[in-house]
Amino acid sequence: MGKVRPKLVKRVARELLTKYPDLFKRDFEHNKKVVSKLAVIPSKKLRNQIAGYITHLLAIEAKREKRVEVAGEVSEAGA
């Protein structure tokens, strides 16, 4: 069973990622500091949820890029 996140967390995280894609990394602690600087978040828990979701999205993107890279190598070897 996956984690259930509020729409607010997802919306804010996606907005921050689209506006500032170069500022975020796959490190939660770094993302937590960046979220604090970029947005006024009323609670520590909400800030951590947003930073965690950003970290999660970046990890998914890295896996997707790795999968595409491996698939590209396989198709080149078969050609």
N, C-alpha and C. Protein backbone atom coordinates (compact mmCIF):
# COMPACT_ATOMS: atom_id res chain seq x y z
N MET A 1 0.84 -1.17 0.00
CA MET A 1 0.00 0.00 0.00
C MET A 1 0.88 1.24 0.00
N GLY A 2 0.57 2.18 -0.87
CA GLY A 2 1.38 3.38 -0.99
C GLY A 2 1.04 4.43 0.04
N LYS A 3 1.84 5.46 0.07
CA LYS A 3 1.58 6.56 0.99
C LYS A 3 0.50 7.45 0.41
N VAL A 4 -0.37 7.93 1.27
CA VAL A 4 -1.42 8.84 0.84
C VAL A 4 -0.98 10.24 1.24
N ARG A 5 -0.86 11.12 0.26
CA ARG A 5 -0.43 12.49 0.52
C ARG A 5 -1.55 13.45 0.15
N PRO A 6 -1.72 14.50 0.92
CA PRO A 6 -2.75 15.49 0.59
C PRO A 6 -2.45 16.19 -0.74
N LYS A 7 -3.50 16.66 -1.38
CA LYS A 7 -3.33 17.36 -2.65
C LYS A 7 -2.45 18.59 -2.50
N LEU A 8 -2.54 19.25 -1.35
CA LEU A 8 -1.73 20.44 -1.11
C LEU A 8 -0.24 20.11 -1.21
N VAL A 9 0.16 19.01 -0.60
CA VAL A 9 1.58 18.60 -0.62
C VAL A 9 2.02 18.35 -2.05
N LYS A 10 1.22 17.61 -2.79
CA LYS A 10 1.58 17.28 -4.17
C LYS A 10 1.63 18.52 -5.05
N ARG A 11 0.63 19.39 -4.89
CA ARG A 11 0.55 20.59 -5.74
C ARG A 11 1.74 21.51 -5.49
N VAL A 12 2.03 21.78 -4.22
CA VAL A 12 3.14 22.68 -3.88
C VAL A 12 4.46 22.08 -4.32
N ALA A 13 4.65 20.79 -4.12
CA ALA A 13 5.90 20.14 -4.52
C ALA A 13 6.10 20.21 -6.02
N ARG A 14 5.06 19.93 -6.79
CA ARG A 14 5.18 20.00 -8.24
C ARG A 14 5.44 21.42 -8.72
N GLU A 15 4.78 22.40 -8.10
CA GLU A 15 5.01 23.80 -8.48
C GLU A 15 6.45 24.20 -8.23
N LEU A 16 6.97 23.85 -7.06
CA LEU A 16 8.36 24.20 -6.74
C LEU A 16 9.33 23.50 -7.68
N LEU A 17 9.05 22.25 -8.03
CA LEU A 17 9.93 21.52 -8.96
C LEU A 17 9.90 22.12 -10.36
N THR A 18 8.75 22.58 -10.81
CA THR A 18 8.69 23.17 -12.15
C THR A 18 9.34 24.55 -12.18
N LYS A 19 9.20 25.33 -11.11
CA LYS A 19 9.78 26.67 -11.08
C LYS A 19 11.28 26.65 -10.83
N TYR A 20 11.73 25.76 -9.96
CA TYR A 20 13.14 25.72 -9.54
C TYR A 20 13.72 24.31 -9.66
N PRO A 21 13.80 23.74 -10.86
CA PRO A 21 14.26 22.35 -10.98
C PRO A 21 15.74 22.15 -10.61
N ASP A 22 16.55 23.19 -10.76
CA ASP A 22 17.99 23.04 -10.51
C ASP A 22 18.36 23.13 -9.03
N LEU A 23 17.45 23.61 -8.19
CA LEU A 23 17.77 23.79 -6.78
C LEU A 23 17.63 22.51 -5.96
N PHE A 24 16.87 21.55 -6.44
CA PHE A 24 16.58 20.35 -5.65
C PHE A 24 17.48 19.19 -6.04
N LYS A 25 17.77 18.35 -5.04
CA LYS A 25 18.60 17.16 -5.23
C LYS A 25 17.86 15.96 -4.67
N ARG A 26 18.47 14.81 -4.72
CA ARG A 26 17.85 13.59 -4.17
C ARG A 26 18.14 13.43 -2.68
N ASP A 27 18.54 14.51 -2.02
CA ASP A 27 18.85 14.50 -0.60
C ASP A 27 17.74 15.23 0.16
N PHE A 28 17.09 14.53 1.07
CA PHE A 28 15.96 15.09 1.82
C PHE A 28 16.37 16.31 2.63
N GLU A 29 17.48 16.24 3.34
CA GLU A 29 17.91 17.35 4.19
C GLU A 29 18.14 18.62 3.36
N HIS A 30 18.76 18.47 2.21
CA HIS A 30 18.99 19.61 1.32
C HIS A 30 17.65 20.18 0.84
N ASN A 31 16.75 19.31 0.42
CA ASN A 31 15.45 19.75 -0.07
C ASN A 31 14.64 20.45 1.01
N LYS A 32 14.78 19.99 2.24
CA LYS A 32 14.07 20.60 3.36
C LYS A 32 14.50 22.06 3.54
N LYS A 33 15.79 22.31 3.43
CA LYS A 33 16.30 23.68 3.56
C LYS A 33 15.84 24.55 2.40
N VAL A 34 15.85 23.99 1.19
CA VAL A 34 15.44 24.75 0.02
C VAL A 34 13.95 25.11 0.09
N VAL A 35 13.12 24.17 0.51
CA VAL A 35 11.69 24.44 0.65
C VAL A 35 11.46 25.55 1.67
N SER A 36 12.21 25.55 2.76
CA SER A 36 12.07 26.59 3.78
C SER A 36 12.40 27.97 3.23
N LYS A 37 13.40 28.03 2.35
CA LYS A 37 13.80 29.31 1.77
C LYS A 37 12.82 29.80 0.71
N LEU A 38 12.25 28.90 -0.06
CA LEU A 38 11.41 29.29 -1.19
C LEU A 38 9.97 29.59 -0.82
N ALA A 39 9.43 28.92 0.19
CA ALA A 39 8.01 29.05 0.48
C ALA A 39 7.79 29.28 1.98
N VAL A 40 6.72 29.97 2.27
CA VAL A 40 6.32 30.16 3.67
C VAL A 40 5.38 29.02 4.02
N ILE A 41 5.90 28.07 4.77
CA ILE A 41 5.14 26.88 5.15
C ILE A 41 4.77 27.03 6.63
N PRO A 42 3.49 26.89 6.97
CA PRO A 42 3.06 27.15 8.35
C PRO A 42 3.52 26.14 9.39
N SER A 43 3.88 24.93 8.99
CA SER A 43 4.29 23.95 10.00
C SER A 43 5.48 23.14 9.51
N LYS A 44 6.21 22.62 10.47
CA LYS A 44 7.38 21.80 10.18
C LYS A 44 6.97 20.50 9.50
N LYS A 45 5.87 19.92 9.94
CA LYS A 45 5.39 18.66 9.37
C LYS A 45 5.05 18.82 7.91
N LEU A 46 4.36 19.89 7.55
CA LEU A 46 3.99 20.13 6.16
C LEU A 46 5.23 20.37 5.31
N ARG A 47 6.19 21.14 5.83
CA ARG A 47 7.44 21.37 5.11
C ARG A 47 8.14 20.06 4.84
N ASN A 48 8.20 19.18 5.84
CA ASN A 48 8.87 17.90 5.67
C ASN A 48 8.15 17.00 4.67
N GLN A 49 6.82 17.05 4.66
CA GLN A 49 6.06 16.26 3.70
C GLN A 49 6.33 16.75 2.28
N ILE A 50 6.39 18.05 2.08
CA ILE A 50 6.67 18.60 0.75
C ILE A 50 8.08 18.23 0.31
N ALA A 51 9.06 18.40 1.19
CA ALA A 51 10.44 18.05 0.86
C ALA A 51 10.57 16.56 0.58
N GLY A 52 9.88 15.74 1.34
CA GLY A 52 9.93 14.30 1.12
C GLY A 52 9.32 13.90 -0.21
N TYR A 53 8.23 14.55 -0.59
CA TYR A 53 7.59 14.24 -1.86
C TYR A 53 8.47 14.69 -3.03
N ILE A 54 9.13 15.82 -2.88
CA ILE A 54 10.06 16.28 -3.92
C ILE A 54 11.19 15.27 -4.07
N THR A 55 11.73 14.79 -2.96
CA THR A 55 12.79 13.78 -2.99
C THR A 55 12.30 12.51 -3.68
N HIS A 56 11.07 12.13 -3.37
CA HIS A 56 10.46 10.94 -3.98
C HIS A 56 10.32 11.12 -5.50
N LEU A 57 9.85 12.29 -5.92
CA LEU A 57 9.68 12.55 -7.36
C LEU A 57 11.02 12.52 -8.10
N LEU A 58 12.05 13.07 -7.47
CA LEU A 58 13.37 13.07 -8.10
C LEU A 58 13.94 11.65 -8.20
N ALA A 59 13.67 10.82 -7.21
CA ALA A 59 14.13 9.43 -7.25
C ALA A 59 13.44 8.67 -8.37
N ILE A 60 12.14 8.91 -8.53
CA ILE A 60 11.39 8.27 -9.61
C ILE A 60 11.94 8.72 -10.97
N GLU A 61 12.21 9.99 -11.10
CA GLU A 61 12.75 10.52 -12.36
C GLU A 61 14.12 9.91 -12.67
N ALA A 62 14.95 9.75 -11.65
CA ALA A 62 16.27 9.14 -11.86
C ALA A 62 16.14 7.69 -12.31
N LYS A 63 15.20 6.95 -11.72
CA LYS A 63 14.98 5.56 -12.14
C LYS A 63 14.50 5.51 -13.58
N ARG A 64 13.61 6.42 -13.94
CA ARG A 64 13.06 6.46 -15.30
C ARG A 64 14.17 6.76 -16.31
N GLU A 65 15.04 7.72 -15.99
CA GLU A 65 16.15 8.05 -16.89
C GLU A 65 17.11 6.87 -17.03
N LYS A 66 17.37 6.18 -15.93
CA LYS A 66 18.27 5.02 -15.97
C LYS A 66 17.67 3.92 -16.84
N ARG A 67 16.36 3.71 -16.71
CA ARG A 67 15.68 2.67 -17.49
C ARG A 67 15.74 3.00 -18.98
N VAL A 68 15.53 4.27 -19.34
CA VAL A 68 15.58 4.69 -20.73
C VAL A 68 16.99 4.54 -21.27
N GLU A 69 17.98 4.87 -20.44
CA GLU A 69 19.38 4.76 -20.85
C GLU A 69 19.74 3.30 -21.13
N VAL A 70 19.32 2.40 -20.26
CA VAL A 70 19.61 0.97 -20.43
C VAL A 70 18.88 0.44 -21.67
N ALA A 71 17.64 0.86 -21.88
CA ALA A 71 16.90 0.41 -23.04
C ALA A 71 17.56 0.90 -24.33
N GLY A 72 18.10 2.10 -24.30
CA GLY A 72 18.80 2.63 -25.47
C GLY A 72 20.05 1.83 -25.79
N GLU A 73 20.78 1.40 -24.78
CA GLU A 73 21.98 0.60 -25.00
C GLU A 73 21.62 -0.78 -25.55
N VAL A 74 20.52 -1.35 -25.09
CA VAL A 74 20.11 -2.67 -25.55
C VAL A 74 19.70 -2.59 -27.03
N SER A 75 18.97 -1.56 -27.40
CA SER A 75 18.51 -1.44 -28.80
C SER A 75 19.70 -1.17 -29.73
N GLU A 76 20.71 -0.44 -29.27
CA GLU A 76 21.90 -0.19 -30.09
C GLU A 76 22.71 -1.46 -30.27
N ALA A 77 22.78 -2.29 -29.25
CA ALA A 77 23.54 -3.54 -29.33
C ALA A 77 22.86 -4.55 -30.26
N GLY A 78 21.52 -4.48 -30.29
CA GLY A 78 20.77 -5.42 -31.13
C GLY A 78 20.73 -5.01 -32.59
N ALA A 79 21.04 -3.77 -32.88
CA ALA A 79 20.95 -3.27 -34.26
C ALA A 79 22.16 -3.59 -35.09
